[in-house]
């Protein structure tokens, strides 16, 4: 066999091997795809990943905002999505121009459509489409932040939504807010409507997990507390009282030399928080008298001998 024939045969063998390798890769891809389809059909958790859009687009910083300018995070994401080697239109262009184009493309082709599909408030707000904003999809922090804008630009629909929540026909989010963050909004321009509804949602969600049976709050509302420390104390004290089972439901003890057990008065969140804030207080507290007061109340209820009446105090 001549050298030319050997080279031709070697070339043919290489061609055959490449075709076999290509066929094997195709078979592997098809096999993986079949397994994915089978898992999609049988595994609800796996199917959930495909059927629901994640919050990645929501938390990606908006282009040209301060966080994006200081971190260049959007550019890093765009570079991973639009690889220069994978898109012929980016060959030969300057680096700065490439970065500008892929950032803009990320916004137009990914972030914009995904945020629209997620029905994020900012999409409707920036487009001045207040009348289309789905309030039931607004997250808890966004509701707290933008409620006054909702009242300003879409008062009738927003108040109708709040009324629906009040009557159990719609839901309002509260999961990402802490108790004191809710009561801090009671004096906002909406008259505390949103805070009232978010508080009730938080209490309802927590009650579904059970009630507190051996707890009562000792609330320090003395003059040394102002601002956020006072809000935290009042909010946690009220929350604990509303989550407690009888006979401690709705009750707190004052932080004082002469601690008193109070049944919180009021028909709404604002009046209840005001009641706690205005309770008598002292410069210090006598912890022994707190337990003595609990014992007096327990004896007054004629607690049976040996009954479990332990208290887990929280200040």
Protein backbone atom coordinates (compact mmCIF):
# COMPACT_ATOMS: atom_id res chain seq x y z
CA UNK A 1 0.00 0.00 0.00
CA UNK A 2 1.41 3.33 -1.02
CA UNK A 3 1.88 6.25 1.34
CA UNK A 4 -1.01 8.12 -0.29
CA UNK A 5 -3.30 5.13 0.22
CA UNK A 6 -2.26 4.79 3.86
CA UNK A 7 -2.94 8.48 4.46
CA UNK A 8 -6.34 8.20 2.78
CA UNK A 9 -7.21 5.12 4.86
CA UNK A 10 -6.08 6.87 8.05
CA UNK A 11 -8.18 9.88 7.14
CA UNK A 12 -11.19 7.66 6.51
CA UNK A 13 -10.73 5.90 9.86
CA UNK A 14 -10.52 9.26 11.59
CA UNK A 15 -13.70 10.35 9.84
CA UNK A 16 -15.50 7.18 10.91
CA UNK A 17 -14.32 7.59 14.51
CA UNK A 18 -15.52 11.20 14.56
CA UNK A 19 -18.92 10.14 13.26
CA UNK A 20 -19.14 7.42 15.90
CA UNK A 21 -18.17 9.89 18.61
CA UNK A 22 -20.75 12.36 17.30
CA UNK A 23 -23.40 9.65 17.28
CA UNK A 24 -22.48 8.66 20.84
CA UNK A 25 -22.77 12.29 21.98
CA UNK A 26 -26.19 12.57 20.34
CA UNK A 27 -27.31 9.34 22.01
CA UNK A 28 -26.08 10.63 25.36
CA UNK A 29 -27.91 13.94 24.88
CA UNK A 30 -31.11 12.13 23.88
CA UNK A 31 -30.77 9.79 26.86
CA UNK A 32 -30.32 12.69 29.28
CA UNK A 33 -33.27 14.50 27.71
CA UNK A 34 -35.47 11.40 28.04
CA UNK A 35 -34.56 11.09 31.71
CA UNK A 36 -35.39 14.77 32.21
CA UNK A 37 -38.79 14.31 30.53
CA UNK A 38 -39.50 11.25 32.69
CA UNK A 39 -38.50 13.11 35.84
CA UNK A 40 -40.64 16.09 34.80
CA UNK A 41 -43.61 13.74 34.49
CA UNK A 42 -43.05 11.93 37.79
CA UNK A 43 -41.34 14.39 40.14
CA UNK A 44 -43.53 17.37 41.20
CA UNK A 45 -40.57 19.19 42.79
CA UNK A 46 -38.56 18.96 39.56
CA UNK A 47 -41.60 20.04 37.53
CA UNK A 48 -42.01 23.04 39.85
CA UNK A 49 -38.58 24.32 38.80
CA UNK A 50 -39.74 24.45 35.17
CA UNK A 51 -43.24 25.79 35.68
CA UNK A 52 -42.42 28.66 38.00
CA UNK A 53 -40.15 31.60 37.23
CA UNK A 54 -37.54 32.23 39.91
CA UNK A 55 -36.92 35.59 41.58
CA UNK A 56 -33.47 35.98 39.98
CA UNK A 57 -34.68 38.79 37.70
CA UNK A 58 -36.27 40.56 40.66
CA UNK A 59 -33.08 40.66 42.70
CA UNK A 60 -30.76 41.46 39.81
CA UNK A 61 -29.88 45.15 40.32
CA UNK A 62 -31.41 47.55 37.77
CA UNK A 63 -28.94 48.79 35.18
CA UNK A 64 -27.17 52.08 36.00
CA UNK A 65 -28.49 52.15 39.58
CA UNK A 66 -25.96 52.73 42.37
CA UNK A 67 -25.54 49.06 43.29
CA UNK A 68 -24.92 48.14 39.65
CA UNK A 69 -22.44 50.99 39.19
CA UNK A 70 -20.42 50.04 42.27
CA UNK A 71 -20.39 46.27 41.71
CA UNK A 72 -20.70 45.90 37.89
CA UNK A 73 -22.83 42.85 38.70
CA UNK A 74 -25.11 43.26 35.66
CA UNK A 75 -22.09 43.26 33.36
CA UNK A 76 -20.79 40.05 34.94
CA UNK A 77 -24.18 38.38 34.45
CA UNK A 78 -24.42 39.63 30.85
CA UNK A 79 -20.93 38.29 30.05
CA UNK A 80 -21.99 34.82 31.18
CA UNK A 81 -25.24 34.94 29.22
CA UNK A 82 -23.82 36.43 26.01
CA UNK A 83 -20.38 34.87 25.57
CA UNK A 84 -18.33 36.76 23.01
CA UNK A 85 -17.19 33.53 21.32
CA UNK A 86 -20.77 32.29 20.93
CA UNK A 87 -22.12 35.37 19.12
CA UNK A 88 -20.47 36.34 15.80
CA UNK A 89 -21.87 39.89 16.03
CA UNK A 90 -19.51 40.63 18.90
CA UNK A 91 -16.32 39.60 17.09
CA UNK A 92 -13.86 42.40 16.57
CA UNK A 93 -15.73 45.10 18.53
CA UNK A 94 -14.08 47.04 21.33
CA UNK A 95 -14.42 45.70 24.87
CA UNK A 96 -16.30 48.75 26.14
CA UNK A 97 -18.79 48.58 23.27
CA UNK A 98 -19.24 44.83 23.81
CA UNK A 99 -19.99 45.41 27.51
CA UNK A 100 -22.52 48.15 26.70
CA UNK A 101 -24.34 46.03 24.10
CA UNK A 102 -24.64 42.88 26.22
CA UNK A 103 -25.85 44.86 29.25
CA UNK A 104 -28.57 46.44 27.16
CA UNK A 105 -29.42 43.06 25.64
CA UNK A 106 -29.67 41.51 29.11
CA UNK A 107 -32.19 44.18 30.07
CA UNK A 108 -34.30 43.84 26.91
CA UNK A 109 -34.26 40.08 26.40
CA UNK A 110 -34.11 38.74 29.96
CA UNK A 111 -34.72 41.13 32.84
CA UNK A 112 -37.60 43.05 31.27
CA UNK A 113 -39.67 40.02 30.15
CA UNK A 114 -38.98 38.08 33.36
CA UNK A 115 -39.95 41.00 35.58
CA UNK A 116 -43.09 41.49 33.54
CA UNK A 117 -43.98 37.80 33.93
CA UNK A 118 -43.39 38.08 37.69
CA UNK A 119 -45.77 41.06 37.76
CA UNK A 120 -43.36 43.13 39.85
CA UNK A 121 -44.75 46.51 40.97
CA UNK A 122 -41.86 48.49 39.48
CA UNK A 123 -42.74 47.27 35.99
CA UNK A 124 -46.20 48.82 36.22
CA UNK A 125 -45.04 51.87 38.16
CA UNK A 126 -42.27 52.79 35.72
CA UNK A 127 -44.69 52.39 32.79
CA UNK A 128 -47.35 54.47 34.60
CA UNK A 129 -49.77 51.53 34.39
CA UNK A 130 -51.13 51.92 37.91
CA UNK A 131 -54.59 50.75 36.88
CA UNK A 132 -53.15 47.34 35.91
CA UNK A 133 -50.98 46.76 38.97
CA UNK A 134 -51.91 43.42 40.64
CA UNK A 135 -51.88 44.31 44.34
CA UNK A 136 -52.28 40.70 45.42
CA UNK A 137 -48.83 40.00 43.91
CA UNK A 138 -47.06 42.82 45.76
CA UNK A 139 -44.51 41.54 48.31
CA UNK A 140 -44.73 42.62 51.95
CA UNK A 141 -41.79 45.06 51.95
CA UNK A 142 -42.87 46.58 48.63
CA UNK A 143 -46.41 47.03 49.96
CA UNK A 144 -45.06 48.80 53.04
CA UNK A 145 -42.79 50.98 50.90
CA UNK A 146 -45.10 51.91 48.04
CA UNK A 147 -48.54 52.03 49.69
CA UNK A 148 -48.67 55.83 49.67
CA UNK A 149 -47.84 55.88 45.96
CA UNK A 150 -50.63 53.36 45.35
CA UNK A 151 -53.04 55.67 47.16
CA UNK A 152 -51.82 58.67 45.20
CA UNK A 153 -51.98 57.17 41.71
CA UNK A 154 -54.65 54.46 42.03
CA UNK A 155 -56.64 55.32 45.15
CA UNK A 156 -59.97 53.72 44.20
CA UNK A 157 -58.53 50.34 43.16
CA UNK A 158 -56.09 50.22 46.07
CA UNK A 159 -58.76 50.97 48.67
CA UNK A 160 -61.00 48.37 47.04
CA UNK A 161 -58.15 45.85 47.35
CA UNK A 162 -57.65 46.70 51.05
CA UNK A 163 -61.37 46.27 51.62
CA UNK A 164 -61.23 42.85 49.96
CA UNK A 165 -58.37 41.84 52.26
CA UNK A 166 -60.33 43.09 55.27
CA UNK A 167 -63.29 40.90 54.32
CA UNK A 168 -61.18 37.83 53.54
CA UNK A 169 -61.67 38.00 49.77
CA UNK A 170 -58.01 38.78 49.02
CA UNK A 171 -54.65 38.33 50.73
CA UNK A 172 -51.87 40.70 51.65
CA UNK A 173 -48.23 39.67 52.12
CA UNK A 174 -46.47 40.06 55.47
CA UNK A 175 -43.89 37.26 55.60
CA UNK A 176 -40.72 39.34 55.13
CA UNK A 177 -41.59 41.95 57.76
CA UNK A 178 -40.65 41.89 61.44
CA UNK A 179 -43.35 42.77 64.00
CA UNK A 180 -41.87 46.16 64.91
CA UNK A 181 -41.53 47.08 61.23
CA UNK A 182 -45.27 46.69 60.86
CA UNK A 183 -46.29 48.80 63.86
CA UNK A 184 -43.79 51.48 62.81
CA UNK A 185 -46.13 52.18 59.85
CA UNK A 186 -49.24 52.84 61.95
CA UNK A 187 -48.86 56.62 61.63
CA UNK A 188 -48.19 56.66 57.88
CA UNK A 189 -50.41 58.62 55.50
CA UNK A 190 -52.61 55.60 54.77
CA UNK A 191 -53.88 55.77 58.34
CA UNK A 192 -52.27 52.47 59.29
CA UNK A 193 -54.61 50.42 57.08
CA UNK A 194 -51.83 48.37 55.52
CA UNK A 195 -50.08 47.85 58.87
CA UNK A 196 -53.33 46.61 60.41
CA UNK A 197 -53.89 44.06 57.65
CA UNK A 198 -50.26 42.92 57.53
CA UNK A 199 -50.26 42.44 61.31
CA UNK A 200 -53.39 40.30 61.14
CA UNK A 201 -51.87 38.24 58.33
CA UNK A 202 -48.71 37.67 60.37
CA UNK A 203 -50.71 36.62 63.45
CA UNK A 204 -52.94 34.29 61.42
CA UNK A 205 -49.93 32.63 59.77
CA UNK A 206 -48.19 32.09 63.12
CA UNK A 207 -51.34 30.74 64.80
CA UNK A 208 -51.52 28.04 62.14
CA UNK A 209 -48.26 26.71 63.60
CA UNK A 210 -49.66 26.55 67.12
CA UNK A 211 -50.21 28.66 70.23
CA UNK A 212 -47.88 29.68 73.07
CA UNK A 213 -48.94 27.84 76.22
CA UNK A 214 -46.31 28.68 78.86
CA UNK A 215 -45.33 32.23 77.96
CA UNK A 216 -46.11 35.78 79.00
CA UNK A 217 -44.26 38.97 78.08
CA UNK A 218 -42.78 41.45 80.55
CA UNK A 219 -42.85 44.74 78.63
CA UNK A 220 -40.43 47.58 79.37
CA UNK A 221 -42.13 50.78 78.20
CA UNK A 222 -40.17 53.08 80.49
CA UNK A 223 -39.00 56.55 79.53
CA UNK A 224 -35.53 55.21 78.75
CA UNK A 225 -36.92 53.52 75.64
CA UNK A 226 -37.73 55.52 72.53
CA UNK A 227 -37.90 54.90 68.80
CA UNK A 228 -37.08 51.43 67.55
CA UNK A 229 -36.34 49.84 70.99
CA UNK A 230 -39.82 50.88 72.15
CA UNK A 231 -41.40 49.60 68.92
CA UNK A 232 -39.63 46.24 69.29
CA UNK A 233 -40.77 45.84 72.90
CA UNK A 234 -44.38 46.80 72.18
CA UNK A 235 -44.58 44.69 69.02
CA UNK A 236 -43.12 41.53 70.57
CA UNK A 237 -45.19 41.93 73.73
CA UNK A 238 -48.40 42.35 71.75
CA UNK A 239 -47.53 39.52 69.38
CA UNK A 240 -46.78 37.12 72.22
CA UNK A 241 -50.07 38.03 73.91
CA UNK A 242 -52.05 37.39 70.72
CA UNK A 243 -50.33 34.06 70.12
CA UNK A 244 -50.87 32.83 73.68
CA UNK A 245 -53.55 30.37 74.67
CA UNK A 246 -56.02 31.12 77.45
CA UNK A 247 -55.76 32.24 80.22
CA UNK A 248 -52.76 34.34 79.10
CA UNK A 249 -54.18 35.44 75.77
CA UNK A 250 -54.13 39.22 75.37
CA UNK A 251 -52.13 39.80 78.57
CA UNK A 252 -48.74 41.31 79.44
CA UNK A 253 -46.88 42.21 82.64
CA UNK A 254 -45.36 45.65 83.24
CA UNK A 255 -41.64 46.19 83.76
CA UNK A 256 -41.81 47.78 87.20
CA UNK A 257 -40.96 47.56 90.89
CA UNK A 258 -44.65 46.73 91.30
CA UNK A 259 -45.41 44.61 88.22
CA UNK A 260 -49.03 44.41 87.16
CA UNK A 261 -50.79 41.97 84.87
CA UNK A 262 -52.69 43.87 82.17
CA UNK A 263 -55.37 42.73 79.76
CA UNK A 264 -54.58 44.70 76.61
CA UNK A 265 -57.43 46.97 75.60
CA UNK A 266 -58.31 48.19 72.11
CA UNK A 267 -60.19 47.15 69.00
CA UNK A 268 -57.40 47.64 66.49
CA UNK A 269 -53.62 47.47 66.25
CA UNK A 270 -53.09 51.18 66.88
CA UNK A 271 -55.18 51.31 70.06
CA UNK A 272 -53.55 48.14 71.40
CA UNK A 273 -50.03 49.47 70.87
CA UNK A 274 -51.00 52.78 72.51
CA UNK A 275 -52.37 50.90 75.52
CA UNK A 276 -49.08 49.04 76.00
CA UNK A 277 -47.01 52.21 75.55
CA UNK A 278 -49.08 54.02 78.21
CA UNK A 279 -48.90 51.29 80.88
CA UNK A 280 -47.41 52.28 84.24
CA UNK A 281 -43.69 51.68 84.41
CA UNK A 282 -40.86 51.97 86.87
CA UNK A 283 -37.17 52.76 86.72
CA UNK A 284 -36.34 49.12 87.41
CA UNK A 285 -38.09 45.82 87.93
CA UNK A 286 -38.33 43.24 90.67
CA UNK A 287 -38.19 39.86 88.97
CA UNK A 288 -39.22 38.05 92.14
CA UNK A 289 -42.39 40.14 92.30
CA UNK A 290 -43.12 39.20 88.68
CA UNK A 291 -43.23 35.54 89.72
CA UNK A 292 -45.18 36.42 92.86
CA UNK A 293 -47.76 38.20 90.71
CA UNK A 294 -48.04 35.18 88.41
CA UNK A 295 -48.53 32.94 91.45
CA UNK A 296 -51.25 35.21 92.83
CA UNK A 297 -53.13 35.05 89.54
CA UNK A 298 -52.70 31.28 89.39
CA UNK A 299 -54.04 30.86 92.94
CA UNK A 300 -56.92 33.15 92.06
CA UNK A 301 -57.85 30.76 89.26
CA UNK A 302 -57.81 27.91 91.77
CA UNK A 303 -55.14 25.99 89.90
CA UNK A 304 -55.26 22.35 90.89
CA UNK A 305 -52.40 21.03 92.97
CA UNK A 306 -49.57 19.80 90.75
CA UNK A 307 -50.92 21.43 87.58
CA UNK A 308 -48.30 22.65 85.16
CA UNK A 309 -48.37 26.45 85.32
CA UNK A 310 -44.80 27.27 84.32
CA UNK A 311 -44.09 30.62 82.69
CA UNK A 312 -41.38 31.31 80.15
CA UNK A 313 -40.75 35.05 80.62
CA UNK A 314 -39.56 37.20 77.76
CA UNK A 315 -38.43 40.79 78.28
